[in-house]
Amino acid sequence: MEQGADSLREQRKRETSRALTKVARRLTADRGFAGFTVEELCAEVGVSRRTFFNYFESKENAVFGFATIDSRQEALEEAFVSEHGELLDDFVGLTIHRFGLFNPLEDAAELFAIIEQEPRLLKAAFEQIAKNERRDIELIVRRMGDVADPDLRAEVMVHSVGALVRLSMDQLLHHHSTDSFEALITRRLELARSVYAPTQKVD
């Protein structure tokens, strides 16, 4: 019963988060980003300012939907840290699972329109991407344990996989691929391995 109540609370949190983002985007489109306050946004959704900052660090993050860490994401990340498989494969697996939770393709067109209208929001997007990368680096360092140059190793892995993510996203967004994100990034990982280790056969 308690687990069911927790699940219901988490569902309500996600619904509130989505509502805040939906209204923030509408207000940005209608009035411009500077044309409304956090208080006005909260009033439309029916939550307090304090509740808003439990979900988002800033108004910019609300527009992008960059909410505080979801409990499902936390569970995936903790599972990754405790796994004992091949590190790169496991990290790509984590990336695929997170994509499934927060599919950025669903509202890509809407976000592109907002950025075109408010290009200064790009700064907030890049800052959040950098923050996410630092979080992933910390996860990988925890997973690796006592190895030489752990921070540098983790940084190389995060940025390498990030490049594969961007290539896969480009294929989905601009080339209208019918393949899944998982298939696209897995294929690119295989090709990357063949580039760095040319003796390894790629099917």
C-alpha atoms as a PDB file:
ATOM      1  CA  MET A   1       0.000   0.000   0.000  1.00  0.00           C
ATOM      2  CA  GLU A   2       2.810   2.386   0.920  1.00  0.00           C
ATOM      3  CA  GLN A   3       4.604   1.635  -2.341  1.00  0.00           C
ATOM      4  CA  GLY A   4       1.407   2.402  -4.250  1.00  0.00           C
ATOM      5  CA  ALA A   5       1.051   5.709  -2.409  1.00  0.00           C
ATOM      6  CA  ASP A   6       4.657   6.585  -3.255  1.00  0.00           C
ATOM      7  CA  SER A   7       3.994   5.794  -6.917  1.00  0.00           C
ATOM      8  CA  LEU A   8       0.913   8.013  -6.873  1.00  0.00           C
ATOM      9  CA  ARG A   9       2.885  10.868  -5.316  1.00  0.00           C
ATOM     10  CA  GLU A  10       5.604  10.505  -7.941  1.00  0.00           C
ATOM     11  CA  GLN A  11       2.984  10.532 -10.691  1.00  0.00           C
ATOM     12  CA  ARG A  12       1.456  13.715  -9.285  1.00  0.00           C
ATOM     13  CA  LYS A  13       4.892  15.319  -9.127  1.00  0.00           C
ATOM     14  CA  ARG A  14       5.516  14.505 -12.777  1.00  0.00           C
ATOM     15  CA  GLU A  15       2.104  15.885 -13.725  1.00  0.00           C
ATOM     16  CA  THR A  16       2.818  19.133 -11.858  1.00  0.00           C
ATOM     17  CA  SER A  17       6.221  19.397 -13.514  1.00  0.00           C
ATOM     18  CA  ARG A  18       4.711  18.906 -16.970  1.00  0.00           C
ATOM     19  CA  ALA A  19       1.980  21.457 -16.222  1.00  0.00           C
ATOM     20  CA  LEU A  20       4.544  24.078 -15.197  1.00  0.00           C
ATOM     21  CA  THR A  21       6.562  23.482 -18.350  1.00  0.00           C
ATOM     22  CA  LYS A  22       3.488  23.557 -20.590  1.00  0.00           C
ATOM     23  CA  VAL A  23       2.300  26.886 -19.180  1.00  0.00           C
ATOM     24  CA  ALA A  24       5.835  28.354 -19.150  1.00  0.00           C
ATOM     25  CA  ARG A  25       6.162  27.595 -22.857  1.00  0.00           C
ATOM     26  CA  ARG A  26       2.754  29.039 -23.661  1.00  0.00           C
ATOM     27  CA  LEU A  27       3.501  32.233 -21.755  1.00  0.00           C
ATOM     28  CA  THR A  28       6.885  32.511 -23.463  1.00  0.00           C
ATOM     29  CA  ALA A  29       5.254  32.131 -26.879  1.00  0.00           C
ATOM     30  CA  ASP A  30       2.484  34.629 -26.040  1.00  0.00           C
ATOM     31  CA  ARG A  31       4.378  37.278 -24.068  1.00  0.00           C
ATOM     32  CA  GLY A  32       8.064  36.600 -24.546  1.00  0.00           C
ATOM     33  CA  PHE A  33      10.306  35.150 -21.856  1.00  0.00           C
ATOM     34  CA  ALA A  34      10.578  38.472 -20.013  1.00  0.00           C
ATOM     35  CA  GLY A  35       6.829  39.025 -20.213  1.00  0.00           C
ATOM     36  CA  PHE A  36       5.819  36.934 -17.211  1.00  0.00           C
ATOM     37  CA  THR A  37       7.056  36.177 -13.718  1.00  0.00           C
ATOM     38  CA  VAL A  38       7.460  32.946 -11.796  1.00  0.00           C
ATOM     39  CA  GLU A  39       4.575  34.101  -9.610  1.00  0.00           C
ATOM     40  CA  GLU A  40       2.285  34.515 -12.631  1.00  0.00           C
ATOM     41  CA  LEU A  41       3.298  31.094 -13.904  1.00  0.00           C
ATOM     42  CA  CYS A  42       2.566  29.543 -10.508  1.00  0.00           C
ATOM     43  CA  ALA A  43      -0.818  31.274 -10.317  1.00  0.00           C
ATOM     44  CA  GLU A  44      -1.882  29.776 -13.654  1.00  0.00           C
ATOM     45  CA  VAL A  45      -0.864  26.272 -12.605  1.00  0.00           C
ATOM     46  CA  GLY A  46      -2.203  26.648  -9.071  1.00  0.00           C
ATOM     47  CA  VAL A  47       0.996  26.044  -7.114  1.00  0.00           C
ATOM     48  CA  SER A  48       3.109  28.158  -4.787  1.00  0.00           C
ATOM     49  CA  ARG A  49       6.431  29.791  -5.621  1.00  0.00           C
ATOM     50  CA  ARG A  50       8.054  27.424  -3.124  1.00  0.00           C
ATOM     51  CA  THR A  51       6.589  24.440  -4.963  1.00  0.00           C
ATOM     52  CA  PHE A  52       7.912  25.802  -8.259  1.00  0.00           C
ATOM     53  CA  PHE A  53      11.467  25.853  -6.936  1.00  0.00           C
ATOM     54  CA  ASN A  54      11.067  22.305  -5.670  1.00  0.00           C
ATOM     55  CA  TYR A  55      10.715  21.344  -9.334  1.00  0.00           C
ATOM     56  CA  PHE A  56      12.876  23.818 -11.232  1.00  0.00           C
ATOM     57  CA  GLU A  57      15.980  25.821 -10.415  1.00  0.00           C
ATOM     58  CA  SER A  58      14.927  28.693 -12.676  1.00  0.00           C
ATOM     59  CA  LYS A  59      12.255  29.981 -15.031  1.00  0.00           C
ATOM     60  CA  GLU A  60      14.530  29.046 -17.931  1.00  0.00           C
ATOM     61  CA  ASN A  61      14.639  25.438 -16.768  1.00  0.00           C
ATOM     62  CA  ALA A  62      10.849  25.374 -16.537  1.00  0.00           C
ATOM     63  CA  VAL A  63      10.582  26.403 -20.192  1.00  0.00           C
ATOM     64  CA  PHE A  64      12.969  23.641 -21.241  1.00  0.00           C
ATOM     65  CA  GLY A  65      11.466  21.082 -18.885  1.00  0.00           C
ATOM     66  CA  PHE A  66      14.751  20.640 -17.019  1.00  0.00           C
ATOM     67  CA  ALA A  67      13.191  19.499 -13.767  1.00  0.00           C
ATOM     68  CA  THR A  68      15.077  18.367 -10.699  1.00  0.00           C
ATOM     69  CA  ILE A  69      16.176  14.742 -10.861  1.00  0.00           C
ATOM     70  CA  ASP A  70      13.295  12.305 -11.285  1.00  0.00           C
ATOM     71  CA  SER A  71      13.204   9.350  -8.864  1.00  0.00           C
ATOM     72  CA  ARG A  72      13.155   6.965 -11.835  1.00  0.00           C
ATOM     73  CA  GLN A  73      16.329   8.551 -13.168  1.00  0.00           C
ATOM     74  CA  GLU A  74      17.967   8.304  -9.755  1.00  0.00           C
ATOM     75  CA  ALA A  75      17.142   4.589  -9.634  1.00  0.00           C
ATOM     76  CA  LEU A  76      18.642   4.024 -13.090  1.00  0.00           C
ATOM     77  CA  GLU A  77      21.811   5.890 -12.160  1.00  0.00           C
ATOM     78  CA  GLU A  78      22.289   4.046  -8.877  1.00  0.00           C
ATOM     79  CA  ALA A  79      21.786   0.741 -10.693  1.00  0.00           C
ATOM     80  CA  PHE A  80      24.464   1.788 -13.199  1.00  0.00           C
ATOM     81  CA  VAL A  81      26.948   2.552 -10.416  1.00  0.00           C
ATOM     82  CA  SER A  82      26.451  -0.904  -8.889  1.00  0.00           C
ATOM     83  CA  GLU A  83      26.674  -2.865 -12.165  1.00  0.00           C
ATOM     84  CA  HIS A  84      29.725  -4.967 -13.036  1.00  0.00           C
ATOM     85  CA  GLY A  85      29.486  -5.254 -16.809  1.00  0.00           C
ATOM     86  CA  GLU A  86      31.562  -3.500 -19.461  1.00  0.00           C
ATOM     87  CA  LEU A  87      31.617   0.154 -18.417  1.00  0.00           C
ATOM     88  CA  LEU A  88      31.059   1.754 -21.817  1.00  0.00           C
ATOM     89  CA  ASP A  89      28.213  -0.609 -22.713  1.00  0.00           C
ATOM     90  CA  ASP A  90      26.562   0.009 -19.357  1.00  0.00           C
ATOM     91  CA  PHE A  91      26.857   3.787 -19.722  1.00  0.00           C
ATOM     92  CA  VAL A  92      25.332   3.675 -23.196  1.00  0.00           C
ATOM     93  CA  GLY A  93      22.592   1.477 -21.727  1.00  0.00           C
ATOM     94  CA  LEU A  94      21.932   4.118 -19.068  1.00  0.00           C
ATOM     95  CA  THR A  95      21.763   6.764 -21.793  1.00  0.00           C
ATOM     96  CA  ILE A  96      19.222   4.702 -23.741  1.00  0.00           C
ATOM     97  CA  HIS A  97      17.043   4.144 -20.666  1.00  0.00           C
ATOM     98  CA  ARG A  98      17.064   7.849 -19.803  1.00  0.00           C
ATOM     99  CA  PHE A  99      16.099   8.681 -23.377  1.00  0.00           C
ATOM    100  CA  GLY A 100      13.108   6.400 -22.929  1.00  0.00           C
ATOM    101  CA  LEU A 101      12.060   8.265 -19.788  1.00  0.00           C
ATOM    102  CA  PHE A 102      12.470  11.773 -21.194  1.00  0.00           C
ATOM    103  CA  ASN A 103      12.161  11.462 -24.961  1.00  0.00           C
ATOM    104  CA  PRO A 104      13.383  14.885 -26.176  1.00  0.00           C
ATOM    105  CA  LEU A 105      11.947  14.296 -29.633  1.00  0.00           C
ATOM    106  CA  GLU A 106       8.374  14.633 -28.415  1.00  0.00           C
ATOM    107  CA  ASP A 107       8.576  18.406 -28.037  1.00  0.00           C
ATOM    108  CA  ALA A 108      11.623  19.229 -30.165  1.00  0.00           C
ATOM    109  CA  ALA A 109       9.674  21.339 -32.675  1.00  0.00           C
ATOM    110  CA  GLU A 110       8.100  23.404 -29.900  1.00  0.00           C
ATOM    111  CA  LEU A 111      11.484  24.005 -28.263  1.00  0.00           C
ATOM    112  CA  PHE A 112      13.107  24.992 -31.559  1.00  0.00           C
ATOM    113  CA  ALA A 113      10.364  27.580 -32.073  1.00  0.00           C
ATOM    114  CA  ILE A 114      10.887  28.992 -28.575  1.00  0.00           C
ATOM    115  CA  ILE A 115      14.661  29.216 -29.044  1.00  0.00           C
ATOM    116  CA  GLU A 116      14.165  30.955 -32.384  1.00  0.00           C
ATOM    117  CA  GLN A 117      11.913  33.456 -30.620  1.00  0.00           C
ATOM    118  CA  GLU A 118      14.165  33.760 -27.538  1.00  0.00           C
ATOM    119  CA  PRO A 119      17.753  32.910 -28.577  1.00  0.00           C
ATOM    120  CA  ARG A 120      19.128  33.999 -25.196  1.00  0.00           C
ATOM    121  CA  LEU A 121      17.581  30.849 -23.724  1.00  0.00           C
ATOM    122  CA  LEU A 122      20.318  28.861 -25.463  1.00  0.00           C
ATOM    123  CA  LYS A 123      22.708  29.877 -22.693  1.00  0.00           C
ATOM    124  CA  ALA A 124      20.504  28.170 -20.102  1.00  0.00           C
ATOM    125  CA  ALA A 125      20.275  25.060 -22.281  1.00  0.00           C
ATOM    126  CA  PHE A 126      24.052  24.807 -22.638  1.00  0.00           C
ATOM    127  CA  GLU A 127      24.513  25.350 -18.907  1.00  0.00           C
ATOM    128  CA  GLN A 128      22.121  22.493 -18.148  1.00  0.00           C
ATOM    129  CA  ILE A 129      23.858  20.205 -20.634  1.00  0.00           C
ATOM    130  CA  ALA A 130      27.186  20.961 -18.948  1.00  0.00           C
ATOM    131  CA  LYS A 131      25.636  20.262 -15.549  1.00  0.00           C
ATOM    132  CA  ASN A 132      24.297  16.918 -16.769  1.00  0.00           C
ATOM    133  CA  GLU A 133      27.725  16.036 -18.141  1.00  0.00           C
ATOM    134  CA  ARG A 134      29.349  16.794 -14.785  1.00  0.00           C
ATOM    135  CA  ARG A 135      26.767  14.591 -13.075  1.00  0.00           C
ATOM    136  CA  ASP A 136      27.547  11.720 -15.446  1.00  0.00           C
ATOM    137  CA  ILE A 137      31.275  12.160 -14.909  1.00  0.00           C
ATOM    138  CA  GLU A 138      30.716  11.832 -11.163  1.00  0.00           C
ATOM    139  CA  LEU A 139      28.641   8.671 -11.687  1.00  0.00           C
ATOM    140  CA  ILE A 140      31.347   7.062 -13.799  1.00  0.00           C
ATOM    141  CA  VAL A 141      34.087   8.000 -11.325  1.00  0.00           C
ATOM    142  CA  ARG A 142      32.043   6.347  -8.565  1.00  0.00           C
ATOM    143  CA  ARG A 143      31.614   3.268 -10.729  1.00  0.00           C
ATOM    144  CA  MET A 144      35.309   2.984 -11.683  1.00  0.00           C
ATOM    145  CA  GLY A 145      36.668   3.126  -8.163  1.00  0.00           C
ATOM    146  CA  ASP A 146      40.443   3.176  -7.714  1.00  0.00           C
ATOM    147  CA  VAL A 147      41.920   3.619 -11.208  1.00  0.00           C
ATOM    148  CA  ALA A 148      44.464   5.977 -12.731  1.00  0.00           C
ATOM    149  CA  ASP A 149      43.123   9.353 -13.937  1.00  0.00           C
ATOM    150  CA  PRO A 150      39.471   8.577 -13.104  1.00  0.00           C
ATOM    151  CA  ASP A 151      38.173  12.089 -13.822  1.00  0.00           C
ATOM    152  CA  LEU A 152      39.870  12.266 -17.208  1.00  0.00           C
ATOM    153  CA  ARG A 153      38.699   8.777 -18.162  1.00  0.00           C
ATOM    154  CA  ALA A 154      35.143   9.637 -17.168  1.00  0.00           C
ATOM    155  CA  GLU A 155      35.258  12.952 -19.029  1.00  0.00           C
ATOM    156  CA  VAL A 156      36.420  11.262 -22.238  1.00  0.00           C
ATOM    157  CA  MET A 157      33.654   8.667 -21.967  1.00  0.00           C
ATOM    158  CA  VAL A 158      30.896  11.197 -21.275  1.00  0.00           C
ATOM    159  CA  HIS A 159      31.871  13.465 -24.158  1.00  0.00           C
ATOM    160  CA  SER A 160      32.406  10.554 -26.550  1.00  0.00           C
ATOM    161  CA  VAL A 161      28.973   9.101 -25.811  1.00  0.00           C
ATOM    162  CA  GLY A 162      27.527  12.615 -25.973  1.00  0.00           C
ATOM    163  CA  ALA A 163      28.806  12.890 -29.546  1.00  0.00           C
ATOM    164  CA  LEU A 164      27.100   9.590 -30.413  1.00  0.00           C
ATOM    165  CA  VAL A 165      23.872  10.877 -28.858  1.00  0.00           C
ATOM    166  CA  ARG A 166      24.007  14.051 -30.966  1.00  0.00           C
ATOM    167  CA  LEU A 167      24.642  12.054 -34.151  1.00  0.00           C
ATOM    168  CA  SER A 168      21.720   9.760 -33.375  1.00  0.00           C
ATOM    169  CA  MET A 169      19.428  12.667 -32.521  1.00  0.00           C
ATOM    170  CA  ASP A 170      20.353  14.398 -35.769  1.00  0.00           C
ATOM    171  CA  GLN A 171      19.422  11.251 -37.670  1.00  0.00           C
ATOM    172  CA  LEU A 172      16.026  11.159 -35.965  1.00  0.00           C
ATOM    173  CA  LEU A 173      15.260  14.875 -36.170  1.00  0.00           C
ATOM    174  CA  HIS A 174      16.607  15.914 -39.543  1.00  0.00           C
ATOM    175  CA  HIS A 175      16.823  12.716 -41.564  1.00  0.00           C
ATOM    176  CA  HIS A 176      13.564  11.185 -40.313  1.00  0.00           C
ATOM    177  CA  SER A 177      15.114   7.815 -39.575  1.00  0.00           C
ATOM    178  CA  THR A 178      12.668   5.019 -38.826  1.00  0.00           C
ATOM    179  CA  ASP A 179      15.223   3.305 -36.594  1.00  0.00           C
ATOM    180  CA  SER A 180      14.936   3.607 -32.835  1.00  0.00           C
ATOM    181  CA  PHE A 181      17.298   5.766 -30.798  1.00  0.00           C
ATOM    182  CA  GLU A 182      18.694   2.570 -29.280  1.00  0.00           C
ATOM    183  CA  ALA A 183      19.457   1.086 -32.702  1.00  0.00           C
ATOM    184  CA  LEU A 184      21.054   4.303 -33.946  1.00  0.00           C
ATOM    185  CA  ILE A 185      23.344   4.866 -30.982  1.00  0.00           C
ATOM    186  CA  THR A 186      24.286   1.178 -30.747  1.00  0.00           C
ATOM    187  CA  ARG A 187      25.322   1.177 -34.397  1.00  0.00           C
ATOM    188  CA  ARG A 188      27.385   4.319 -33.916  1.00  0.00           C
ATOM    189  CA  LEU A 189      29.042   2.817 -30.867  1.00  0.00           C
ATOM    190  CA  GLU A 190      30.058  -0.208 -32.938  1.00  0.00           C
ATOM    191  CA  LEU A 191      31.504   2.070 -35.616  1.00  0.00           C
ATOM    192  CA  ALA A 192      33.351   4.151 -33.024  1.00  0.00           C
ATOM    193  CA  ARG A 193      34.938   0.993 -31.671  1.00  0.00           C
ATOM    194  CA  SER A 194      36.052   0.026 -35.173  1.00  0.00           C
ATOM    195  CA  VAL A 195      37.674   3.458 -35.583  1.00  0.00           C
ATOM    196  CA  TYR A 196      39.578   3.268 -32.297  1.00  0.00           C
ATOM    197  CA  ALA A 197      40.316  -0.469 -32.592  1.00  0.00           C
ATOM    198  CA  PRO A 198      40.401  -1.201 -36.348  1.00  0.00           C
ATOM    199  CA  THR A 199      41.230  -4.876 -35.847  1.00  0.00           C
ATOM    200  CA  GLN A 200      37.858  -5.385 -34.173  1.00  0.00           C
ATOM    201  CA  LYS A 201      35.275  -6.732 -36.604  1.00  0.00           C
ATOM    202  CA  VAL A 202      32.054  -4.775 -37.079  1.00  0.00           C
ATOM    203  CA  ASP A 203      29.068  -6.796 -38.282  1.00  0.00           C
END
